[in-house]
Amino acid sequence: MHAAMEQFSSKYLNRAVSELSKLPGIGKKTALRLALHLMRREKQEVDDLGNALIDMRGQIRFCKRCHNISDGDLCEVCRSPKRNNGHICVVEDINDVIAIEKTGEFFGLYHVLGGVISPMDGVGPADLKIESLVERIKKEEVEEVILALPTTVEGDTTNFFLFKKLAEFGIRITTIARGVGIGDELEYIDEITLGRSIVNRLPYQDNLKR
């Protein structure tokens, strides 16, 4: 067992490989390859990488308005005078904001829920940023809420809950077009398909009739 754990001749390499292999999608072989690659780089390059990761973890905040990542109290999207404040796109996570921004087809604001309703995983409405969305609609001049959650059972459940929750405000509630396949996560959809699904969004009520 001891020999298996001390796989490499350096405890520092062992530790680096162990930590890198904790990243999603990174196995031991890839972790070793990355560690050896970093060993061959100039010390300053590796220092810059390490400092960038430390700064990212220590300095990044979450936007007080939409819960997107931010360097200040408000993210760049919320601060931009070019965005349409009347349109709010509701997404599951920050990855979805990045994916939608890459399409260049959406010019409104976002609201990051931080997950979707999933009773099997113990996630209920109170665990998500739903109440802050309601408060935004009460205080801001919102014309439309776009539900851009994953096309999964959990995503559909959350869409329905939000529709019921927001119906009383008399605003337009839409959902992304079903060019996005069932079970798809937004971050893995190609930009053209995702962009079209946002541009061609439909009233949420249309889904209830199917």
N, C-alpha and C. Protein backbone atom coordinates (compact mmCIF):
# COMPACT_ATOMS: atom_id res chain seq x y z
N MET A 1 0.83 -1.19 0.00
CA MET A 1 0.00 0.00 0.00
C MET A 1 0.87 1.25 0.00
N HIS A 2 1.94 1.21 0.81
CA HIS A 2 2.82 2.38 0.91
C HIS A 2 3.45 2.70 -0.44
N ALA A 3 3.87 1.63 -1.17
CA ALA A 3 4.51 1.83 -2.48
C ALA A 3 3.53 2.42 -3.47
N ALA A 4 2.26 2.00 -3.37
CA ALA A 4 1.25 2.51 -4.30
C ALA A 4 0.99 3.99 -4.06
N MET A 5 1.02 4.39 -2.76
CA MET A 5 0.77 5.79 -2.43
C MET A 5 1.95 6.66 -2.85
N GLU A 6 3.18 6.19 -2.56
CA GLU A 6 4.38 6.93 -2.95
C GLU A 6 4.74 6.56 -4.38
N GLN A 7 3.89 6.99 -5.29
CA GLN A 7 4.03 6.56 -6.67
C GLN A 7 5.22 7.21 -7.36
N PHE A 8 5.57 8.42 -6.94
CA PHE A 8 6.63 9.16 -7.60
C PHE A 8 7.79 9.37 -6.63
N SER A 9 8.94 9.73 -7.15
CA SER A 9 10.13 9.85 -6.32
C SER A 9 10.17 11.13 -5.51
N SER A 10 9.22 12.04 -5.74
CA SER A 10 9.18 13.31 -5.00
C SER A 10 7.84 13.48 -4.32
N LYS A 11 7.88 13.80 -3.02
CA LYS A 11 6.62 14.03 -2.31
C LYS A 11 5.92 15.28 -2.83
N TYR A 12 6.70 16.22 -3.36
CA TYR A 12 6.10 17.44 -3.90
C TYR A 12 5.33 17.15 -5.19
N LEU A 13 5.90 16.27 -6.01
CA LEU A 13 5.20 15.85 -7.23
C LEU A 13 3.96 15.05 -6.86
N ASN A 14 4.09 14.19 -5.87
CA ASN A 14 2.93 13.42 -5.40
C ASN A 14 1.79 14.35 -5.01
N ARG A 15 2.13 15.38 -4.24
CA ARG A 15 1.10 16.30 -3.76
C ARG A 15 0.47 17.07 -4.92
N ALA A 16 1.30 17.54 -5.85
CA ALA A 16 0.79 18.30 -7.00
C ALA A 16 -0.17 17.44 -7.82
N VAL A 17 0.23 16.19 -8.08
CA VAL A 17 -0.62 15.28 -8.85
C VAL A 17 -1.92 15.00 -8.10
N SER A 18 -1.82 14.80 -6.81
CA SER A 18 -3.00 14.53 -5.99
C SER A 18 -3.99 15.69 -6.04
N GLU A 19 -3.49 16.92 -5.94
CA GLU A 19 -4.36 18.09 -5.95
C GLU A 19 -4.96 18.33 -7.33
N LEU A 20 -4.15 18.19 -8.37
CA LEU A 20 -4.65 18.40 -9.74
C LEU A 20 -5.71 17.36 -10.11
N SER A 21 -5.54 16.15 -9.62
CA SER A 21 -6.49 15.08 -9.97
C SER A 21 -7.85 15.27 -9.31
N LYS A 22 -7.96 16.23 -8.38
CA LYS A 22 -9.24 16.54 -7.75
C LYS A 22 -10.12 17.41 -8.63
N LEU A 23 -9.52 18.00 -9.67
CA LEU A 23 -10.29 18.84 -10.58
C LEU A 23 -11.20 17.98 -11.45
N PRO A 24 -12.38 18.49 -11.82
CA PRO A 24 -13.32 17.69 -12.64
C PRO A 24 -12.72 17.33 -13.99
N GLY A 25 -12.85 16.08 -14.36
CA GLY A 25 -12.37 15.62 -15.65
C GLY A 25 -10.87 15.35 -15.71
N ILE A 26 -10.19 15.49 -14.58
CA ILE A 26 -8.74 15.29 -14.56
C ILE A 26 -8.43 14.01 -13.78
N GLY A 27 -7.94 12.99 -14.49
CA GLY A 27 -7.52 11.75 -13.83
C GLY A 27 -6.06 11.83 -13.43
N LYS A 28 -5.56 10.75 -12.85
CA LYS A 28 -4.17 10.73 -12.37
C LYS A 28 -3.17 10.92 -13.51
N LYS A 29 -3.43 10.28 -14.66
CA LYS A 29 -2.49 10.40 -15.77
C LYS A 29 -2.43 11.82 -16.29
N THR A 30 -3.58 12.45 -16.45
CA THR A 30 -3.61 13.83 -16.93
C THR A 30 -2.98 14.76 -15.90
N ALA A 31 -3.25 14.50 -14.62
CA ALA A 31 -2.67 15.30 -13.55
C ALA A 31 -1.16 15.22 -13.57
N LEU A 32 -0.63 14.04 -13.78
CA LEU A 32 0.83 13.86 -13.86
C LEU A 32 1.39 14.62 -15.06
N ARG A 33 0.71 14.52 -16.19
CA ARG A 33 1.17 15.22 -17.40
C ARG A 33 1.19 16.73 -17.18
N LEU A 34 0.15 17.26 -16.52
CA LEU A 34 0.10 18.70 -16.24
C LEU A 34 1.21 19.11 -15.26
N ALA A 35 1.41 18.29 -14.24
CA ALA A 35 2.45 18.60 -13.25
C ALA A 35 3.83 18.61 -13.89
N LEU A 36 4.11 17.63 -14.72
CA LEU A 36 5.41 17.58 -15.40
C LEU A 36 5.57 18.75 -16.37
N HIS A 37 4.48 19.14 -17.02
CA HIS A 37 4.52 20.29 -17.91
C HIS A 37 4.88 21.56 -17.12
N LEU A 38 4.26 21.74 -15.97
CA LEU A 38 4.54 22.91 -15.14
C LEU A 38 5.98 22.91 -14.64
N MET A 39 6.52 21.72 -14.38
CA MET A 39 7.91 21.62 -13.94
C MET A 39 8.88 22.13 -14.99
N ARG A 40 8.48 21.99 -16.25
CA ARG A 40 9.37 22.40 -17.35
C ARG A 40 9.23 23.89 -17.69
N ARG A 41 8.23 24.55 -17.14
CA ARG A 41 8.02 25.98 -17.43
C ARG A 41 8.92 26.83 -16.54
N GLU A 42 9.11 28.09 -16.94
CA GLU A 42 9.87 29.02 -16.10
C GLU A 42 9.17 29.21 -14.76
N LYS A 43 9.96 29.40 -13.71
CA LYS A 43 9.39 29.55 -12.37
C LYS A 43 8.38 30.69 -12.31
N GLN A 44 8.65 31.80 -13.02
CA GLN A 44 7.76 32.95 -12.99
C GLN A 44 6.39 32.61 -13.58
N GLU A 45 6.39 31.79 -14.63
CA GLU A 45 5.13 31.38 -15.24
C GLU A 45 4.27 30.59 -14.24
N VAL A 46 4.93 29.68 -13.53
CA VAL A 46 4.21 28.87 -12.56
C VAL A 46 3.74 29.73 -11.39
N ASP A 47 4.60 30.67 -10.97
CA ASP A 47 4.21 31.60 -9.90
C ASP A 47 2.99 32.41 -10.31
N ASP A 48 2.99 32.88 -11.57
CA ASP A 48 1.87 33.68 -12.08
C ASP A 48 0.57 32.86 -12.06
N LEU A 49 0.67 31.59 -12.46
CA LEU A 49 -0.51 30.72 -12.44
C LEU A 49 -1.01 30.53 -11.02
N GLY A 50 -0.10 30.22 -10.11
CA GLY A 50 -0.49 30.02 -8.72
C GLY A 50 -1.12 31.25 -8.11
N ASN A 51 -0.52 32.41 -8.39
CA ASN A 51 -1.06 33.66 -7.84
C ASN A 51 -2.42 34.00 -8.44
N ALA A 52 -2.58 33.70 -9.73
CA ALA A 52 -3.87 33.96 -10.39
C ALA A 52 -4.98 33.13 -9.75
N LEU A 53 -4.69 31.87 -9.44
CA LEU A 53 -5.67 31.00 -8.80
C LEU A 53 -5.98 31.47 -7.38
N ILE A 54 -4.95 31.89 -6.65
CA ILE A 54 -5.15 32.38 -5.28
C ILE A 54 -5.99 33.66 -5.29
N ASP A 55 -5.66 34.57 -6.22
CA ASP A 55 -6.42 35.82 -6.32
C ASP A 55 -7.86 35.57 -6.73
N MET A 56 -8.05 34.64 -7.68
CA MET A 56 -9.41 34.32 -8.12
C MET A 56 -10.26 33.83 -6.95
N ARG A 57 -9.69 32.91 -6.17
CA ARG A 57 -10.44 32.35 -5.05
C ARG A 57 -10.67 33.37 -3.94
N GLY A 58 -9.70 34.25 -3.75
CA GLY A 58 -9.79 35.19 -2.65
C GLY A 58 -10.51 36.49 -2.95
N GLN A 59 -10.49 36.90 -4.23
CA GLN A 59 -10.99 38.23 -4.57
C GLN A 59 -12.35 38.25 -5.27
N ILE A 60 -12.68 37.18 -6.00
CA ILE A 60 -13.96 37.18 -6.74
C ILE A 60 -15.13 37.17 -5.77
N ARG A 61 -16.12 37.99 -6.07
CA ARG A 61 -17.34 38.04 -5.26
C ARG A 61 -18.52 37.60 -6.13
N PHE A 62 -19.70 37.73 -5.57
CA PHE A 62 -20.92 37.45 -6.32
C PHE A 62 -21.75 38.72 -6.36
N CYS A 63 -22.25 39.04 -7.54
CA CYS A 63 -23.03 40.26 -7.76
C CYS A 63 -24.23 40.29 -6.80
N LYS A 64 -24.40 41.41 -6.12
CA LYS A 64 -25.50 41.54 -5.17
C LYS A 64 -26.86 41.59 -5.86
N ARG A 65 -26.85 41.86 -7.14
CA ARG A 65 -28.11 41.98 -7.88
C ARG A 65 -28.52 40.68 -8.54
N CYS A 66 -27.58 40.05 -9.26
CA CYS A 66 -27.95 38.87 -10.06
C CYS A 66 -27.23 37.59 -9.65
N HIS A 67 -26.24 37.69 -8.75
CA HIS A 67 -25.49 36.54 -8.24
C HIS A 67 -24.50 35.96 -9.25
N ASN A 68 -24.19 36.72 -10.30
CA ASN A 68 -23.13 36.35 -11.23
C ASN A 68 -21.79 36.63 -10.54
N ILE A 69 -20.71 36.05 -11.07
CA ILE A 69 -19.39 36.36 -10.50
C ILE A 69 -19.05 37.82 -10.81
N SER A 70 -18.30 38.42 -9.89
CA SER A 70 -18.03 39.85 -10.02
C SER A 70 -16.76 40.21 -9.26
N ASP A 71 -16.13 41.31 -9.70
CA ASP A 71 -14.98 41.84 -8.98
C ASP A 71 -15.41 42.91 -7.97
N GLY A 72 -16.67 43.32 -8.05
CA GLY A 72 -17.19 44.33 -7.14
C GLY A 72 -18.59 43.97 -6.69
N ASP A 73 -19.29 44.96 -6.15
CA ASP A 73 -20.65 44.70 -5.67
C ASP A 73 -21.60 44.31 -6.80
N LEU A 74 -21.39 44.90 -7.99
CA LEU A 74 -22.20 44.57 -9.16
C LEU A 74 -21.30 44.03 -10.26
N CYS A 75 -21.80 43.05 -11.02
CA CYS A 75 -21.02 42.48 -12.11
C CYS A 75 -21.00 43.43 -13.31
N GLU A 76 -20.18 43.11 -14.29
CA GLU A 76 -20.05 43.96 -15.47
C GLU A 76 -21.36 44.06 -16.25
N VAL A 77 -22.12 42.96 -16.28
CA VAL A 77 -23.39 42.97 -17.01
C VAL A 77 -24.36 43.94 -16.36
N CYS A 78 -24.50 43.86 -15.04
CA CYS A 78 -25.43 44.73 -14.33
C CYS A 78 -24.99 46.20 -14.39
N ARG A 79 -23.69 46.44 -14.47
CA ARG A 79 -23.19 47.83 -14.51
C ARG A 79 -23.29 48.45 -15.89
N SER A 80 -23.40 47.63 -16.92
CA SER A 80 -23.35 48.15 -18.29
C SER A 80 -24.59 48.97 -18.65
N PRO A 81 -24.40 50.19 -19.15
CA PRO A 81 -25.54 51.01 -19.57
C PRO A 81 -26.14 50.53 -20.89
N LYS A 82 -25.48 49.59 -21.55
CA LYS A 82 -25.95 49.10 -22.84
C LYS A 82 -26.94 47.94 -22.70
N ARG A 83 -27.10 47.42 -21.49
CA ARG A 83 -27.99 46.27 -21.32
C ARG A 83 -29.43 46.72 -21.12
N ASN A 84 -30.36 45.86 -21.55
CA ASN A 84 -31.79 46.12 -21.38
C ASN A 84 -32.21 45.64 -19.99
N ASN A 85 -32.43 46.59 -19.10
CA ASN A 85 -32.78 46.24 -17.72
C ASN A 85 -34.17 45.63 -17.57
N GLY A 86 -34.97 45.70 -18.63
CA GLY A 86 -36.33 45.16 -18.56
C GLY A 86 -36.41 43.68 -18.82
N HIS A 87 -35.31 43.07 -19.28
CA HIS A 87 -35.30 41.64 -19.57
C HIS A 87 -34.36 40.93 -18.61
N ILE A 88 -34.86 39.92 -17.91
CA ILE A 88 -34.04 39.12 -16.99
C ILE A 88 -34.05 37.68 -17.45
N CYS A 89 -32.87 37.14 -17.70
CA CYS A 89 -32.73 35.74 -18.11
C CYS A 89 -32.34 34.93 -16.88
N VAL A 90 -33.19 33.99 -16.50
CA VAL A 90 -32.96 33.17 -15.30
C VAL A 90 -32.21 31.90 -15.70
N VAL A 91 -31.06 31.69 -15.07
CA VAL A 91 -30.23 30.52 -15.38
C VAL A 91 -29.89 29.74 -14.11
N GLU A 92 -29.44 28.53 -14.32
CA GLU A 92 -29.11 27.66 -13.18
C GLU A 92 -27.81 28.08 -12.52
N ASP A 93 -26.77 28.30 -13.33
CA ASP A 93 -25.45 28.54 -12.76
C ASP A 93 -24.66 29.54 -13.60
N ILE A 94 -23.50 29.91 -13.10
CA ILE A 94 -22.65 30.89 -13.76
C ILE A 94 -22.18 30.40 -15.12
N ASN A 95 -21.98 29.08 -15.25
CA ASN A 95 -21.59 28.52 -16.55
C ASN A 95 -22.58 28.89 -17.65
N ASP A 96 -23.86 28.98 -17.28
CA ASP A 96 -24.90 29.30 -18.26
C ASP A 96 -24.82 30.76 -18.70
N VAL A 97 -24.46 31.64 -17.77
CA VAL A 97 -24.26 33.05 -18.13
C VAL A 97 -23.15 33.15 -19.17
N ILE A 98 -22.05 32.46 -18.93
CA ILE A 98 -20.91 32.48 -19.85
C ILE A 98 -21.32 31.93 -21.22
N ALA A 99 -22.08 30.83 -21.22
CA ALA A 99 -22.51 30.22 -22.48
C ALA A 99 -23.41 31.16 -23.28
N ILE A 100 -24.35 31.80 -22.61
CA ILE A 100 -25.28 32.70 -23.31
C ILE A 100 -24.56 33.95 -23.79
N GLU A 101 -23.64 34.48 -23.00
CA GLU A 101 -22.89 35.66 -23.41
C GLU A 101 -22.06 35.39 -24.66
N LYS A 102 -21.57 34.17 -24.80
CA LYS A 102 -20.78 33.81 -25.98
C LYS A 102 -21.60 33.87 -27.26
N THR A 103 -22.92 33.70 -27.16
CA THR A 103 -23.75 33.73 -28.37
C THR A 103 -23.88 35.14 -28.93
N GLY A 104 -23.75 36.16 -28.08
CA GLY A 104 -23.91 37.54 -28.52
C GLY A 104 -25.33 37.88 -28.93
N GLU A 105 -26.29 37.07 -28.49
CA GLU A 105 -27.69 37.25 -28.90
C GLU A 105 -28.59 37.80 -27.80
N PHE A 106 -28.07 37.90 -26.58
CA PHE A 106 -28.90 38.37 -25.48
C PHE A 106 -28.31 39.66 -24.90
N PHE A 107 -29.16 40.67 -24.73
CA PHE A 107 -28.67 41.98 -24.31
C PHE A 107 -29.35 42.47 -23.02
N GLY A 108 -29.98 41.56 -22.32
CA GLY A 108 -30.61 41.92 -21.05
C GLY A 108 -29.72 41.60 -19.88
N LEU A 109 -30.35 41.37 -18.72
CA LEU A 109 -29.64 41.03 -17.50
C LEU A 109 -29.88 39.56 -17.16
N TYR A 110 -29.22 39.10 -16.12
CA TYR A 110 -29.33 37.71 -15.71
C TYR A 110 -29.78 37.61 -14.26
N HIS A 111 -30.20 36.39 -13.90
CA HIS A 111 -30.41 36.06 -12.49
C HIS A 111 -29.97 34.61 -12.31
N VAL A 112 -28.95 34.39 -11.51
CA VAL A 112 -28.39 33.06 -11.30
C VAL A 112 -29.04 32.43 -10.07
N LEU A 113 -29.77 31.34 -10.29
CA LEU A 113 -30.47 30.68 -9.19
C LEU A 113 -29.54 29.92 -8.25
N GLY A 114 -28.44 29.42 -8.80
CA GLY A 114 -27.53 28.61 -7.99
C GLY A 114 -27.94 27.15 -7.92
N GLY A 115 -28.77 26.71 -8.86
CA GLY A 115 -29.22 25.33 -8.89
C GLY A 115 -30.63 25.22 -9.43
N VAL A 116 -31.20 24.04 -9.34
CA VAL A 116 -32.59 23.81 -9.74
C VAL A 116 -33.25 22.96 -8.65
N ILE A 117 -34.57 23.01 -8.60
CA ILE A 117 -35.30 22.24 -7.60
C ILE A 117 -35.11 20.74 -7.86
N SER A 118 -34.63 20.05 -6.85
CA SER A 118 -34.37 18.61 -7.00
C SER A 118 -34.60 17.91 -5.66
N PRO A 119 -35.83 17.47 -5.40
CA PRO A 119 -36.14 16.81 -4.12
C PRO A 119 -35.24 15.61 -3.83
N MET A 120 -34.85 14.88 -4.89
CA MET A 120 -33.99 13.71 -4.70
C MET A 120 -32.64 14.10 -4.11
N ASP A 121 -32.19 15.32 -4.42
CA ASP A 121 -30.91 15.81 -3.90
C ASP A 121 -31.10 16.73 -2.70
N GLY A 122 -32.32 16.84 -2.23
CA GLY A 122 -32.59 17.68 -1.07
C GLY A 122 -32.56 19.17 -1.36
N VAL A 123 -32.77 19.55 -2.63
CA VAL A 123 -32.75 20.96 -3.01
C VAL A 123 -34.18 21.43 -3.24
N GLY A 124 -34.62 22.36 -2.43
CA GLY A 124 -35.95 22.92 -2.57
C GLY A 124 -35.90 24.38 -2.96
N PRO A 125 -37.04 25.01 -3.17
CA PRO A 125 -37.08 26.43 -3.57
C PRO A 125 -36.32 27.35 -2.62
N ALA A 126 -36.36 27.05 -1.33
CA ALA A 126 -35.70 27.91 -0.34
C ALA A 126 -34.18 27.87 -0.47
N ASP A 127 -33.66 26.85 -1.14
CA ASP A 127 -32.20 26.72 -1.31
C ASP A 127 -31.69 27.51 -2.50
N LEU A 128 -32.59 28.07 -3.30
CA LEU A 128 -32.21 28.79 -4.51
C LEU A 128 -32.45 30.29 -4.34
N LYS A 129 -31.90 31.06 -5.28
CA LYS A 129 -32.00 32.53 -5.21
C LYS A 129 -33.32 32.98 -5.87
N ILE A 130 -34.43 32.45 -5.36
CA ILE A 130 -35.73 32.76 -5.93
C ILE A 130 -36.32 34.01 -5.31
N GLU A 131 -36.19 34.14 -4.02
CA GLU A 131 -36.76 35.32 -3.35
C GLU A 131 -36.10 36.61 -3.81
N SER A 132 -34.80 36.56 -4.07
CA SER A 132 -34.13 37.76 -4.56
C SER A 132 -34.59 38.12 -5.97
N LEU A 133 -34.98 37.10 -6.76
CA LEU A 133 -35.57 37.36 -8.08
C LEU A 133 -36.91 38.06 -7.92
N VAL A 134 -37.71 37.58 -7.00
CA VAL A 134 -39.01 38.21 -6.73
C VAL A 134 -38.83 39.66 -6.31
N GLU A 135 -37.85 39.91 -5.46
CA GLU A 135 -37.59 41.28 -5.00
C GLU A 135 -37.17 42.18 -6.14
N ARG A 136 -36.37 41.63 -7.07
CA ARG A 136 -35.97 42.42 -8.24
C ARG A 136 -37.18 42.82 -9.07
N ILE A 137 -38.09 41.89 -9.26
CA ILE A 137 -39.28 42.17 -10.07
C ILE A 137 -40.16 43.21 -9.39
N LYS A 138 -40.20 43.16 -8.07
CA LYS A 138 -40.98 44.16 -7.33
C LYS A 138 -40.39 45.56 -7.45
N LYS A 139 -39.07 45.65 -7.43
CA LYS A 139 -38.40 46.94 -7.36
C LYS A 139 -37.99 47.50 -8.73
N GLU A 140 -37.71 46.62 -9.68
CA GLU A 140 -37.21 47.06 -10.98
C GLU A 140 -38.34 47.04 -12.01
N GLU A 141 -38.13 47.75 -13.10
CA GLU A 141 -39.13 47.80 -14.17
C GLU A 141 -38.90 46.64 -15.13
N VAL A 142 -39.30 45.47 -14.70
CA VAL A 142 -39.07 44.25 -15.48
C VAL A 142 -40.24 44.01 -16.43
N GLU A 143 -39.93 43.79 -17.69
CA GLU A 143 -40.95 43.53 -18.70
C GLU A 143 -41.07 42.05 -19.01
N GLU A 144 -39.94 41.35 -18.97
CA GLU A 144 -39.94 39.94 -19.37
C GLU A 144 -38.93 39.15 -18.55
N VAL A 145 -39.33 37.96 -18.14
CA VAL A 145 -38.43 37.01 -17.50
C VAL A 145 -38.29 35.82 -18.44
N ILE A 146 -37.06 35.52 -18.82
CA ILE A 146 -36.77 34.41 -19.73
C ILE A 146 -36.25 33.24 -18.91
N LEU A 147 -36.94 32.13 -18.94
CA LEU A 147 -36.53 30.94 -18.20
C LEU A 147 -35.58 30.13 -19.08
N ALA A 148 -34.30 30.16 -18.74
CA ALA A 148 -33.29 29.46 -19.54
C ALA A 148 -32.62 28.38 -18.70
N LEU A 149 -33.44 27.51 -18.15
CA LEU A 149 -32.95 26.42 -17.31
C LEU A 149 -32.78 25.17 -18.16
N PRO A 150 -32.00 24.20 -17.69
CA PRO A 150 -31.77 22.99 -18.48
C PRO A 150 -33.07 22.24 -18.74
N THR A 151 -33.12 21.58 -19.89
CA THR A 151 -34.34 20.85 -20.29
C THR A 151 -34.33 19.46 -19.68
N THR A 152 -34.30 19.43 -18.36
CA THR A 152 -34.34 18.19 -17.58
C THR A 152 -35.60 18.21 -16.73
N VAL A 153 -35.89 17.11 -16.07
CA VAL A 153 -37.05 17.06 -15.17
C VAL A 153 -36.92 18.13 -14.10
N GLU A 154 -35.71 18.27 -13.55
CA GLU A 154 -35.48 19.26 -12.50
C GLU A 154 -35.62 20.68 -13.04
N GLY A 155 -35.11 20.90 -14.25
CA GLY A 155 -35.23 22.22 -14.86
C GLY A 155 -36.68 22.57 -15.15
N ASP A 156 -37.43 21.61 -15.67
CA ASP A 156 -38.85 21.84 -15.96
C ASP A 156 -39.65 22.08 -14.68
N THR A 157 -39.30 21.36 -13.62
CA THR A 157 -39.98 21.56 -12.33
C THR A 157 -39.73 22.98 -11.82
N THR A 158 -38.50 23.44 -11.95
CA THR A 158 -38.15 24.79 -11.50
C THR A 158 -38.84 25.84 -12.37
N ASN A 159 -38.89 25.60 -13.66
CA ASN A 159 -39.61 26.52 -14.57
C ASN A 159 -41.06 26.69 -14.14
N PHE A 160 -41.71 25.57 -13.87
CA PHE A 160 -43.13 25.60 -13.49
C PHE A 160 -43.32 26.34 -12.16
N PHE A 161 -42.43 26.07 -11.21
CA PHE A 161 -42.52 26.75 -9.91
C PHE A 161 -42.36 28.26 -10.09
N LEU A 162 -41.38 28.66 -10.90
CA LEU A 162 -41.15 30.09 -11.13
C LEU A 162 -42.33 30.74 -11.86
N PHE A 163 -42.89 30.02 -12.82
CA PHE A 163 -44.04 30.55 -13.56
C PHE A 163 -45.19 30.84 -12.59
N LYS A 164 -45.48 29.90 -11.72
CA LYS A 164 -46.55 30.08 -10.74
C LYS A 164 -46.23 31.23 -9.77
N LYS A 165 -44.97 31.31 -9.40
CA LYS A 165 -44.53 32.32 -8.44
C LYS A 165 -44.60 33.72 -9.02
N LEU A 166 -44.30 33.85 -10.32
CA LEU A 166 -44.18 35.17 -10.94
C LEU A 166 -45.44 35.61 -11.68
N ALA A 167 -46.39 34.70 -11.85
CA ALA A 167 -47.59 35.00 -12.64
C ALA A 167 -48.35 36.21 -12.11
N GLU A 168 -48.34 36.40 -10.81
CA GLU A 168 -49.11 37.49 -10.21
C GLU A 168 -48.61 38.88 -10.59
N PHE A 169 -47.37 38.97 -11.09
CA PHE A 169 -46.80 40.27 -11.41
C PHE A 169 -47.21 40.78 -12.80
N GLY A 170 -47.85 39.94 -13.59
CA GLY A 170 -48.35 40.37 -14.89
C GLY A 170 -47.27 40.68 -15.91
N ILE A 171 -46.08 40.11 -15.74
CA ILE A 171 -45.01 40.32 -16.71
C ILE A 171 -44.98 39.17 -17.70
N ARG A 172 -44.31 39.37 -18.81
CA ARG A 172 -44.19 38.32 -19.82
C ARG A 172 -43.18 37.29 -19.33
N ILE A 173 -43.56 36.02 -19.36
CA ILE A 173 -42.67 34.93 -18.95
C ILE A 173 -42.48 34.02 -20.15
N THR A 174 -41.23 33.89 -20.57
CA THR A 174 -40.92 33.09 -21.77
C THR A 174 -39.91 32.01 -21.41
N THR A 175 -39.72 31.09 -22.33
CA THR A 175 -38.72 30.04 -22.16
C THR A 175 -37.96 29.87 -23.47
N ILE A 176 -36.74 29.38 -23.39
CA ILE A 176 -35.95 29.20 -24.60
C ILE A 176 -36.61 28.15 -25.49
N ALA A 177 -36.47 28.34 -26.81
CA ALA A 177 -37.11 27.45 -27.78
C ALA A 177 -36.54 26.05 -27.66
N ARG A 178 -37.32 25.07 -28.06
CA ARG A 178 -36.92 23.68 -27.89
C ARG A 178 -35.97 23.19 -28.97
N GLY A 179 -35.22 24.13 -29.57
CA GLY A 179 -34.10 23.70 -30.40
C GLY A 179 -33.05 23.06 -29.52
N VAL A 180 -33.15 23.37 -28.22
CA VAL A 180 -32.29 22.74 -27.23
C VAL A 180 -32.89 21.39 -26.87
N GLY A 181 -32.13 20.33 -27.03
CA GLY A 181 -32.64 18.99 -26.83
C GLY A 181 -32.99 18.68 -25.39
N ILE A 182 -33.87 17.73 -25.20
CA ILE A 182 -34.26 17.30 -23.86
C ILE A 182 -33.04 16.76 -23.13
N GLY A 183 -32.86 17.22 -21.90
CA GLY A 183 -31.75 16.75 -21.08
C GLY A 183 -30.46 17.52 -21.28
N ASP A 184 -30.47 18.53 -22.16
CA ASP A 184 -29.25 19.28 -22.45
C ASP A 184 -28.94 20.31 -21.37
N GLU A 185 -27.65 20.43 -21.04
CA GLU A 185 -27.17 21.51 -20.19
C GLU A 185 -26.72 22.64 -21.11
N LEU A 186 -27.04 23.89 -20.75
CA LEU A 186 -26.77 25.01 -21.65
C LEU A 186 -25.30 25.16 -22.00
N GLU A 187 -24.42 24.89 -21.04
CA GLU A 187 -23.00 25.13 -21.27
C GLU A 187 -22.42 24.21 -22.35
N TYR A 188 -23.11 23.10 -22.66
CA TYR A 188 -22.59 22.15 -23.64
C TYR A 188 -23.25 22.28 -25.02
N ILE A 189 -24.14 23.25 -25.16
CA ILE A 189 -24.83 23.44 -26.43
C ILE A 189 -24.02 24.39 -27.30
N ASP A 190 -23.97 24.13 -28.60
CA ASP A 190 -23.19 25.01 -29.46
C ASP A 190 -23.82 26.40 -29.49
N GLU A 191 -22.98 27.40 -29.74
CA GLU A 191 -23.40 28.80 -29.63
C GLU A 191 -24.54 29.16 -30.58
N ILE A 192 -24.51 28.62 -31.80
CA ILE A 192 -25.55 28.97 -32.78
C ILE A 192 -26.91 28.45 -32.32
N THR A 193 -26.95 27.18 -31.89
CA THR A 193 -28.21 26.59 -31.42
C THR A 193 -28.73 27.33 -30.20
N LEU A 194 -27.85 27.62 -29.26
CA LEU A 194 -28.26 28.31 -28.04
C LEU A 194 -28.74 29.72 -28.36
N GLY A 195 -28.01 30.40 -29.24
CA GLY A 195 -28.39 31.76 -29.63
C GLY A 195 -29.76 31.79 -30.27
N ARG A 196 -30.02 30.85 -31.16
CA ARG A 196 -31.33 30.79 -31.84
C ARG A 196 -32.44 30.48 -30.84
N SER A 197 -32.15 29.62 -29.87
CA SER A 197 -33.18 29.24 -28.91
C SER A 197 -33.57 30.42 -28.03
N ILE A 198 -32.65 31.36 -27.83
CA ILE A 198 -32.95 32.55 -27.04
C ILE A 198 -33.72 33.56 -27.88
N VAL A 199 -33.25 33.78 -29.09
CA VAL A 199 -33.92 34.73 -29.99
C VAL A 199 -35.35 34.28 -30.29
N ASN A 200 -35.53 32.97 -30.48
CA ASN A 200 -36.85 32.43 -30.82
C ASN A 200 -37.62 31.92 -29.59
N ARG A 201 -37.37 32.53 -28.46
CA ARG A 201 -38.04 32.09 -27.23
C ARG A 201 -39.56 32.20 -27.35
N LEU A 202 -40.26 31.39 -26.55
CA LEU A 202 -41.71 31.27 -26.63
C LEU A 202 -42.35 31.61 -25.29
N PRO A 203 -43.59 32.04 -25.30
CA PRO A 203 -44.31 32.23 -24.04
C PRO A 203 -44.34 30.92 -23.27
N TYR A 204 -44.09 30.97 -21.99
CA TYR A 204 -44.04 29.74 -21.19
C TYR A 204 -45.38 29.00 -21.23
N GLN A 205 -46.47 29.74 -21.33
CA GLN A 205 -47.80 29.11 -21.35
C GLN A 205 -47.93 28.11 -22.49
N ASP A 206 -47.20 28.34 -23.59
CA ASP A 206 -47.29 27.43 -24.74
C ASP A 206 -46.82 26.02 -24.36
N ASN A 207 -45.85 25.93 -23.43
CA ASN A 207 -45.37 24.62 -23.00
C ASN A 207 -46.44 23.88 -22.20
N LEU A 208 -47.28 24.61 -21.50
CA LEU A 208 -48.28 23.99 -20.65
C LEU A 208 -49.41 23.36 -21.48
N LYS A 209 -49.52 23.78 -22.73
CA LYS A 209 -50.59 23.29 -23.58
C LYS A 209 -50.21 21.98 -24.27
N ARG A 210 -48.90 21.62 -24.17
CA ARG A 210 -48.46 20.43 -24.89
C ARG A 210 -48.69 19.17 -24.09
